[in-house]
PDB file of N, CA and C in Angstrom:
ATOM      1  N   MET A   1     109.235  59.337  29.572  1.00  0.00           N
ATOM      2  CA  MET A   1     108.471  58.224  29.255  1.00  0.00           C
ATOM      3  C   MET A   1     109.123  56.981  30.020  1.00  0.00           C
ATOM      4  N   ASP A   2     108.234  56.175  30.589  1.00  0.00           N
ATOM      5  CA  ASP A   2     108.766  55.020  31.233  1.00  0.00           C
ATOM      6  C   ASP A   2     109.399  54.043  30.248  1.00  0.00           C
ATOM      7  N   GLU A   3     110.246  53.168  30.779  1.00  0.00           N
ATOM      8  CA  GLU A   3     110.879  52.138  29.966  1.00  0.00           C
ATOM      9  C   GLU A   3     109.858  51.255  29.362  1.00  0.00           C
ATOM     10  N   VAL A   4     109.824  51.189  28.056  1.00  0.00           N
ATOM     11  CA  VAL A   4     108.819  50.316  27.287  1.00  0.00           C
ATOM     12  C   VAL A   4     109.623  49.367  26.394  1.00  0.00           C
ATOM     13  N   GLN A   5     109.258  48.058  26.597  1.00  0.00           N
ATOM     14  CA  GLN A   5     109.829  47.028  25.767  1.00  0.00           C
ATOM     15  C   GLN A   5     108.865  46.728  24.647  1.00  0.00           C
ATOM     16  N   LEU A   6     109.322  46.757  23.430  1.00  0.00           N
ATOM     17  CA  LEU A   6     108.372  46.453  22.278  1.00  0.00           C
ATOM     18  C   LEU A   6     108.599  44.971  21.792  1.00  0.00           C
ATOM     19  N   THR A   7     107.468  44.373  21.498  1.00  0.00           N
ATOM     20  CA  THR A   7     107.508  42.979  21.014  1.00  0.00           C
ATOM     21  C   THR A   7     107.893  43.067  19.453  1.00  0.00           C
ATOM     22  N   ALA A   8     108.208  41.916  18.942  1.00  0.00           N
ATOM     23  CA  ALA A   8     108.466  41.880  17.519  1.00  0.00           C
ATOM     24  C   ALA A   8     107.315  42.280  16.677  1.00  0.00           C
ATOM     25  N   LEU A   9     106.118  41.871  17.046  1.00  0.00           N
ATOM     26  CA  LEU A   9     104.897  42.310  16.335  1.00  0.00           C
ATOM     27  C   LEU A   9     104.657  43.811  16.386  1.00  0.00           C
ATOM     28  N   GLU A  10     104.852  44.384  17.575  1.00  0.00           N
ATOM     29  CA  GLU A  10     104.720  45.854  17.743  1.00  0.00           C
ATOM     30  C   GLU A  10     105.770  46.569  16.837  1.00  0.00           C
ATOM     31  N   ILE A  11     106.911  46.053  16.834  1.00  0.00           N
ATOM     32  CA  ILE A  11     107.980  46.714  16.022  1.00  0.00           C
ATOM     33  C   ILE A  11     107.568  46.593  14.515  1.00  0.00           C
ATOM     34  N   GLU A  12     107.099  45.475  14.061  1.00  0.00           N
ATOM     35  CA  GLU A  12     106.713  45.282  12.654  1.00  0.00           C
ATOM     36  C   GLU A  12     105.493  46.278  12.340  1.00  0.00           C
ATOM     37  N   ILE A  13     104.573  46.355  13.205  1.00  0.00           N
ATOM     38  CA  ILE A  13     103.485  47.299  12.985  1.00  0.00           C
ATOM     39  C   ILE A  13     103.951  48.712  12.921  1.00  0.00           C
ATOM     40  N   ILE A  14     104.834  49.056  13.780  1.00  0.00           N
ATOM     41  CA  ILE A  14     105.383  50.492  13.823  1.00  0.00           C
ATOM     42  C   ILE A  14     106.085  50.752  12.568  1.00  0.00           C
ATOM     43  N   LYS A  15     106.873  49.746  12.040  1.00  0.00           N
ATOM     44  CA  LYS A  15     107.641  49.965  10.832  1.00  0.00           C
ATOM     45  C   LYS A  15     106.627  50.207   9.650  1.00  0.00           C
ATOM     46  N   ARG A  16     105.502  49.492   9.653  1.00  0.00           N
ATOM     47  CA  ARG A  16     104.501  49.637   8.580  1.00  0.00           C
ATOM     48  C   ARG A  16     103.817  51.001   8.694  1.00  0.00           C
ATOM     49  N   VAL A  17     103.537  51.459   9.901  1.00  0.00           N
ATOM     50  CA  VAL A  17     102.953  52.773  10.075  1.00  0.00           C
ATOM     51  C   VAL A  17     103.972  53.793   9.584  1.00  0.00           C
ATOM     52  N   LEU A  18     105.217  53.709   9.898  1.00  0.00           N
ATOM     53  CA  LEU A  18     106.196  54.669   9.458  1.00  0.00           C
ATOM     54  C   LEU A  18     106.341  54.661   7.885  1.00  0.00           C
ATOM     55  N   ASP A  19     106.176  53.508   7.307  1.00  0.00           N
ATOM     56  CA  ASP A  19     106.298  53.419   5.855  1.00  0.00           C
ATOM     57  C   ASP A  19     104.978  53.712   5.178  1.00  0.00           C
ATOM     58  N   LYS A  20     103.961  54.060   5.936  1.00  0.00           N
ATOM     59  CA  LYS A  20     102.579  54.403   5.374  1.00  0.00           C
ATOM     60  C   LYS A  20     102.085  53.139   4.621  1.00  0.00           C
ATOM     61  N   ASP A  21     102.545  51.956   4.997  1.00  0.00           N
ATOM     62  CA  ASP A  21     102.140  50.736   4.348  1.00  0.00           C
ATOM     63  C   ASP A  21     101.403  49.845   5.361  1.00  0.00           C
ATOM     64  N   PHE A  22     100.415  50.471   6.090  1.00  0.00           N
ATOM     65  CA  PHE A  22      99.693  49.681   7.050  1.00  0.00           C
ATOM     66  C   PHE A  22      98.268  49.532   6.662  1.00  0.00           C
ATOM     67  N   TYR A  23      97.962  48.284   6.325  1.00  0.00           N
ATOM     68  CA  TYR A  23      96.596  47.923   6.043  1.00  0.00           C
ATOM     69  C   TYR A  23      96.461  46.482   6.630  1.00  0.00           C
ATOM     70  N   ILE A  24      95.459  46.367   7.466  1.00  0.00           N
ATOM     71  CA  ILE A  24      95.196  45.102   8.204  1.00  0.00           C
ATOM     72  C   ILE A  24      95.266  43.913   7.272  1.00  0.00           C
ATOM     73  N   LYS A  25      94.530  44.022   6.090  1.00  0.00           N
ATOM     74  CA  LYS A  25      94.484  42.891   5.151  1.00  0.00           C
ATOM     75  C   LYS A  25      95.819  42.570   4.621  1.00  0.00           C
ATOM     76  N   ILE A  26      96.586  43.499   4.223  1.00  0.00           N
ATOM     77  CA  ILE A  26      97.997  43.165   3.710  1.00  0.00           C
ATOM     78  C   ILE A  26      98.846  42.571   4.777  1.00  0.00           C
ATOM     79  N   LEU A  27      98.791  43.163   5.987  1.00  0.00           N
ATOM     80  CA  LEU A  27      99.627  42.713   7.061  1.00  0.00           C
ATOM     81  C   LEU A  27      99.237  41.260   7.457  1.00  0.00           C
ATOM     82  N   LYS A  28      97.928  41.047   7.470  1.00  0.00           N
ATOM     83  CA  LYS A  28      97.431  39.699   7.761  1.00  0.00           C
ATOM     84  C   LYS A  28      97.907  38.695   6.755  1.00  0.00           C
ATOM     85  N   GLU A  29      97.893  39.062   5.438  1.00  0.00           N
ATOM     86  CA  GLU A  29      98.375  38.168   4.438  1.00  0.00           C
ATOM     87  C   GLU A  29      99.939  37.927   4.557  1.00  0.00           C
ATOM     88  N   ASP A  30     100.596  38.957   4.943  1.00  0.00           N
ATOM     89  CA  ASP A  30     102.091  38.808   5.086  1.00  0.00           C
ATOM     90  C   ASP A  30     102.427  37.864   6.214  1.00  0.00           C
ATOM     91  N   ILE A  31     101.624  37.771   7.260  1.00  0.00           N
ATOM     92  CA  ILE A  31     101.960  36.981   8.438  1.00  0.00           C
ATOM     93  C   ILE A  31     101.103  35.771   8.481  1.00  0.00           C
ATOM     94  N   ALA A  32     100.435  35.452   7.448  1.00  0.00           N
ATOM     95  CA  ALA A  32      99.502  34.271   7.448  1.00  0.00           C
ATOM     96  C   ALA A  32     100.175  33.006   7.838  1.00  0.00           C
ATOM     97  N   GLU A  33     101.444  32.792   7.563  1.00  0.00           N
ATOM     98  CA  GLU A  33     102.200  31.642   7.850  1.00  0.00           C
ATOM     99  C   GLU A  33     102.917  31.730   9.138  1.00  0.00           C
ATOM    100  N   SER A  34     102.657  32.814   9.895  1.00  0.00           N
ATOM    101  CA  SER A  34     103.340  32.970  11.129  1.00  0.00           C
ATOM    102  C   SER A  34     102.416  32.607  12.316  1.00  0.00           C
ATOM    103  N   LYS A  35     102.863  32.852  13.540  1.00  0.00           N
ATOM    104  CA  LYS A  35     102.064  32.525  14.659  1.00  0.00           C
ATOM    105  C   LYS A  35     101.055  33.547  14.987  1.00  0.00           C
ATOM    106  N   TYR A  36     100.957  34.708  14.344  1.00  0.00           N
ATOM    107  CA  TYR A  36     100.070  35.786  14.648  1.00  0.00           C
ATOM    108  C   TYR A  36      98.729  35.560  13.969  1.00  0.00           C
ATOM    109  N   THR A  37      97.670  36.067  14.639  1.00  0.00           N
ATOM    110  CA  THR A  37      96.297  36.001  14.111  1.00  0.00           C
ATOM    111  C   THR A  37      95.846  37.432  13.989  1.00  0.00           C
ATOM    112  N   LEU A  38      94.661  37.585  13.384  1.00  0.00           N
ATOM    113  CA  LEU A  38      94.090  38.852  13.262  1.00  0.00           C
ATOM    114  C   LEU A  38      93.809  39.537  14.641  1.00  0.00           C
ATOM    115  N   ASN A  39      93.419  38.694  15.528  1.00  0.00           N
ATOM    116  CA  ASN A  39      93.181  39.223  16.889  1.00  0.00           C
ATOM    117  C   ASN A  39      94.499  39.694  17.546  1.00  0.00           C
ATOM    118  N   ASN A  40      95.596  39.003  17.264  1.00  0.00           N
ATOM    119  CA  ASN A  40      96.902  39.555  17.750  1.00  0.00           C
ATOM    120  C   ASN A  40      97.198  40.907  17.175  1.00  0.00           C
ATOM    121  N   LEU A  41      96.897  41.097  15.861  1.00  0.00           N
ATOM    122  CA  LEU A  41      97.098  42.351  15.185  1.00  0.00           C
ATOM    123  C   LEU A  41      96.246  43.478  15.821  1.00  0.00           C
ATOM    124  N   LEU A  42      94.997  43.212  15.990  1.00  0.00           N
ATOM    125  CA  LEU A  42      94.066  44.209  16.534  1.00  0.00           C
ATOM    126  C   LEU A  42      94.433  44.515  17.963  1.00  0.00           C
ATOM    127  N   TYR A  43      94.764  43.521  18.772  1.00  0.00           N
ATOM    128  CA  TYR A  43      95.153  43.758  20.140  1.00  0.00           C
ATOM    129  C   TYR A  43      96.405  44.601  20.214  1.00  0.00           C
ATOM    130  N   THR A  44      97.347  44.273  19.327  1.00  0.00           N
ATOM    131  CA  THR A  44      98.658  45.042  19.298  1.00  0.00           C
ATOM    132  C   THR A  44      98.431  46.480  18.957  1.00  0.00           C
ATOM    133  N   LEU A  45      97.512  46.730  17.938  1.00  0.00           N
ATOM    134  CA  LEU A  45      97.202  48.082  17.594  1.00  0.00           C
ATOM    135  C   LEU A  45      96.652  48.853  18.815  1.00  0.00           C
ATOM    136  N   TYR A  46      95.683  48.218  19.489  1.00  0.00           N
ATOM    137  CA  TYR A  46      95.022  48.802  20.666  1.00  0.00           C
ATOM    138  C   TYR A  46      96.172  49.024  21.717  1.00  0.00           C
ATOM    139  N   SER A  47      96.999  48.093  21.950  1.00  0.00           N
ATOM    140  CA  SER A  47      98.048  48.230  22.954  1.00  0.00           C
ATOM    141  C   SER A  47      98.990  49.403  22.590  1.00  0.00           C
ATOM    142  N   LEU A  48      99.398  49.549  21.324  1.00  0.00           N
ATOM    143  CA  LEU A  48     100.258  50.627  20.878  1.00  0.00           C
ATOM    144  C   LEU A  48      99.579  52.063  21.114  1.00  0.00           C
ATOM    145  N   GLU A  49      98.250  52.044  20.905  1.00  0.00           N
ATOM    146  CA  GLU A  49      97.503  53.265  21.137  1.00  0.00           C
ATOM    147  C   GLU A  49      97.496  53.584  22.630  1.00  0.00           C
ATOM    148  N   GLU A  50      97.237  52.575  23.431  1.00  0.00           N
ATOM    149  CA  GLU A  50      97.188  52.697  24.870  1.00  0.00           C
ATOM    150  C   GLU A  50      98.566  53.183  25.448  1.00  0.00           C
ATOM    151  N   LYS A  51      99.644  52.729  24.857  1.00  0.00           N
ATOM    152  CA  LYS A  51     100.970  53.139  25.293  1.00  0.00           C
ATOM    153  C   LYS A  51     101.296  54.492  24.817  1.00  0.00           C
ATOM    154  N   GLY A  52     100.486  55.105  23.922  1.00  0.00           N
ATOM    155  CA  GLY A  52     100.698  56.433  23.437  1.00  0.00           C
ATOM    156  C   GLY A  52     101.763  56.485  22.313  1.00  0.00           C
ATOM    157  N   LEU A  53     101.970  55.374  21.608  1.00  0.00           N
ATOM    158  CA  LEU A  53     103.025  55.411  20.630  1.00  0.00           C
ATOM    159  C   LEU A  53     102.429  55.720  19.177  1.00  0.00           C
ATOM    160  N   ILE A  54     101.195  55.220  18.966  1.00  0.00           N
ATOM    161  CA  ILE A  54     100.579  55.521  17.715  1.00  0.00           C
ATOM    162  C   ILE A  54      99.179  56.059  17.999  1.00  0.00           C
ATOM    163  N   GLU A  55      98.643  56.767  16.954  1.00  0.00           N
ATOM    164  CA  GLU A  55      97.293  57.334  17.156  1.00  0.00           C
ATOM    165  C   GLU A  55      96.470  56.997  15.876  1.00  0.00           C
ATOM    166  N   ARG A  56      95.240  56.795  16.040  1.00  0.00           N
ATOM    167  CA  ARG A  56      94.333  56.489  14.925  1.00  0.00           C
ATOM    168  C   ARG A  56      93.606  57.759  14.531  1.00  0.00           C
ATOM    169  N   ASN A  57      93.502  57.955  13.259  1.00  0.00           N
ATOM    170  CA  ASN A  57      92.726  59.086  12.709  1.00  0.00           C
ATOM    171  C   ASN A  57      91.776  58.515  11.639  1.00  0.00           C
ATOM    172  N   VAL A  58      90.553  59.098  11.642  1.00  0.00           N
ATOM    173  CA  VAL A  58      89.526  58.696  10.727  1.00  0.00           C
ATOM    174  C   VAL A  58      89.177  59.840   9.836  1.00  0.00           C
ATOM    175  N   ASP A  59      89.362  59.644   8.507  1.00  0.00           N
ATOM    176  CA  ASP A  59      89.057  60.780   7.560  1.00  0.00           C
ATOM    177  C   ASP A  59      87.551  60.838   7.216  1.00  0.00           C
ATOM    178  N   THR A  60      87.169  61.777   6.372  1.00  0.00           N
ATOM    179  CA  THR A  60      85.768  61.959   6.058  1.00  0.00           C
ATOM    180  C   THR A  60      85.145  60.777   5.390  1.00  0.00           C
ATOM    181  N   LEU A  61      85.947  59.921   4.811  1.00  0.00           N
ATOM    182  CA  LEU A  61      85.371  58.673   4.164  1.00  0.00           C
ATOM    183  C   LEU A  61      85.405  57.487   5.121  1.00  0.00           C
ATOM    184  N   SER A  62      85.663  57.743   6.413  1.00  0.00           N
ATOM    185  CA  SER A  62      85.781  56.714   7.443  1.00  0.00           C
ATOM    186  C   SER A  62      86.899  55.721   7.210  1.00  0.00           C
ATOM    187  N   HIS A  63      87.977  56.196   6.528  1.00  0.00           N
ATOM    188  CA  HIS A  63      89.167  55.352   6.420  1.00  0.00           C
ATOM    189  C   HIS A  63      90.039  55.590   7.669  1.00  0.00           C
ATOM    190  N   LYS A  64      90.409  54.578   8.298  1.00  0.00           N
ATOM    191  CA  LYS A  64      91.282  54.648   9.495  1.00  0.00           C
ATOM    192  C   LYS A  64      92.750  54.685   9.034  1.00  0.00           C
ATOM    193  N   ARG A  65      93.471  55.616   9.622  1.00  0.00           N
ATOM    194  CA  ARG A  65      94.866  55.791   9.328  1.00  0.00           C
ATOM    195  C   ARG A  65      95.611  55.837  10.685  1.00  0.00           C
ATOM    196  N   TYR A  66      96.697  55.163  10.723  1.00  0.00           N
ATOM    197  CA  TYR A  66      97.555  55.231  11.967  1.00  0.00           C
ATOM    198  C   TYR A  66      98.762  56.030  11.723  1.00  0.00           C
ATOM    199  N   THR A  67      99.151  56.840  12.638  1.00  0.00           N
ATOM    200  CA  THR A  67     100.339  57.623  12.590  1.00  0.00           C
ATOM    201  C   THR A  67     101.142  57.508  13.918  1.00  0.00           C
ATOM    202  N   LEU A  68     102.447  57.733  13.820  1.00  0.00           N
ATOM    203  CA  LEU A  68     103.243  57.717  14.969  1.00  0.00           C
ATOM    204  C   LEU A  68     103.020  58.985  15.733  1.00  0.00           C
ATOM    205  N   VAL A  69     102.917  58.887  17.005  1.00  0.00           N
ATOM    206  CA  VAL A  69     102.820  60.106  17.875  1.00  0.00           C
ATOM    207  C   VAL A  69     104.110  60.860  17.744  1.00  0.00           C
ATOM    208  N   GLN A  70     103.998  62.177  17.427  1.00  0.00           N
ATOM    209  CA  GLN A  70     105.173  63.009  17.312  1.00  0.00           C
ATOM    210  C   GLN A  70     105.592  63.627  18.527  1.00  0.00           C
ATOM    211  N   SER A  71     106.423  62.891  19.307  1.00  0.00           N
ATOM    212  CA  SER A  71     106.945  63.305  20.539  1.00  0.00           C
ATOM    213  C   SER A  71     108.393  62.815  20.594  1.00  0.00           C
ATOM    214  N   PRO A  72     109.280  63.663  21.149  1.00  0.00           N
ATOM    215  CA  PRO A  72     110.749  63.257  21.192  1.00  0.00           C
ATOM    216  C   PRO A  72     110.954  61.880  21.928  1.00  0.00           C
ATOM    217  N   ASP A  73     110.167  61.631  22.978  1.00  0.00           N
ATOM    218  CA  ASP A  73     110.314  60.423  23.698  1.00  0.00           C
ATOM    219  C   ASP A  73     109.911  59.206  22.876  1.00  0.00           C
ATOM    220  N   VAL A  74     108.798  59.319  22.119  1.00  0.00           N
ATOM    221  CA  VAL A  74     108.346  58.234  21.269  1.00  0.00           C
ATOM    222  C   VAL A  74     109.320  57.995  20.113  1.00  0.00           C
ATOM    223  N   VAL A  75     109.739  59.066  19.456  1.00  0.00           N
ATOM    224  CA  VAL A  75     110.747  58.938  18.355  1.00  0.00           C
ATOM    225  C   VAL A  75     112.026  58.270  18.872  1.00  0.00           C
ATOM    226  N   SER A  76     112.468  58.608  19.994  1.00  0.00           N
ATOM    227  CA  SER A  76     113.681  58.045  20.604  1.00  0.00           C
ATOM    228  C   SER A  76     113.492  56.523  20.852  1.00  0.00           C
ATOM    229  N   LEU A  77     112.344  56.190  21.402  1.00  0.00           N
ATOM    230  CA  LEU A  77     112.048  54.808  21.768  1.00  0.00           C
ATOM    231  C   LEU A  77     111.997  53.987  20.429  1.00  0.00           C
ATOM    232  N   ILE A  78     111.305  54.498  19.413  1.00  0.00           N
ATOM    233  CA  ILE A  78     111.179  53.768  18.187  1.00  0.00           C
ATOM    234  C   ILE A  78     112.530  53.647  17.536  1.00  0.00           C
ATOM    235  N   ASN A  79     113.354  54.685  17.504  1.00  0.00           N
ATOM    236  CA  ASN A  79     114.688  54.549  16.883  1.00  0.00           C
ATOM    237  C   ASN A  79     115.519  53.521  17.634  1.00  0.00           C
ATOM    238  N   GLU A  80     115.493  53.521  18.928  1.00  0.00           N
ATOM    239  CA  GLU A  80     116.293  52.490  19.661  1.00  0.00           C
ATOM    240  C   GLU A  80     115.777  51.125  19.396  1.00  0.00           C
ATOM    241  N   SER A  81     114.393  50.906  19.285  1.00  0.00           N
ATOM    242  CA  SER A  81     113.904  49.621  19.012  1.00  0.00           C
ATOM    243  C   SER A  81     114.217  49.142  17.637  1.00  0.00           C
ATOM    244  N   LEU A  82     114.223  50.022  16.722  1.00  0.00           N
ATOM    245  CA  LEU A  82     114.593  49.602  15.329  1.00  0.00           C
ATOM    246  C   LEU A  82     116.042  49.353  15.168  1.00  0.00           C
ATOM    247  N   LYS A  83     116.920  50.020  15.994  1.00  0.00           N
ATOM    248  CA  LYS A  83     118.319  49.696  15.945  1.00  0.00           C
ATOM    249  C   LYS A  83     118.660  48.364  16.462  1.00  0.00           C
ATOM    250  N   GLU A  84     117.880  47.911  17.586  1.00  0.00           N
ATOM    251  CA  GLU A  84     118.068  46.604  18.136  1.00  0.00           C
ATOM    252  C   GLU A  84     117.627  45.521  17.103  1.00  0.00           C
ATOM    253  N   VAL A  85     116.631  45.767  16.360  1.00  0.00           N
ATOM    254  CA  VAL A  85     116.183  44.797  15.379  1.00  0.00           C
ATOM    255  C   VAL A  85     117.286  44.655  14.250  1.00  0.00           C
ATOM    256  N   ILE A  86     117.811  45.795  13.842  1.00  0.00           N
ATOM    257  CA  ILE A  86     118.815  45.768  12.804  1.00  0.00           C
ATOM    258  C   ILE A  86     120.114  45.066  13.254  1.00  0.00           C
ATOM    259  N   VAL A  87     120.521  45.302  14.493  1.00  0.00           N
ATOM    260  CA  VAL A  87     121.697  44.678  15.027  1.00  0.00           C
ATOM    261  C   VAL A  87     121.543  43.151  15.113  1.00  0.00           C
ATOM    262  N   LEU A  88     120.367  42.742  15.518  1.00  0.00           N
ATOM    263  CA  LEU A  88     120.141  41.263  15.630  1.00  0.00           C
ATOM    264  C   LEU A  88     120.140  40.665  14.316  1.00  0.00           C
TER     265      LEU A  88
END
């Protein structure tokens, strides 16, 4: 996998996906006082899908769920990104 730099918002979304706590409404409320908008969130989701880091699944009730792509490269990238956040 090519070198990928993750933004703070991408890392926050990935942490939510890993915690199974990803709902646009909740995330939007959590960052309401920050510089991010709903468009930022949606674009970031699309960007993470395009980079092959997360994937969207739709169940029979049309609920969208996001999961981390299960690949050694992706897991390694995420672990390194989360370490950098913890160190800072």
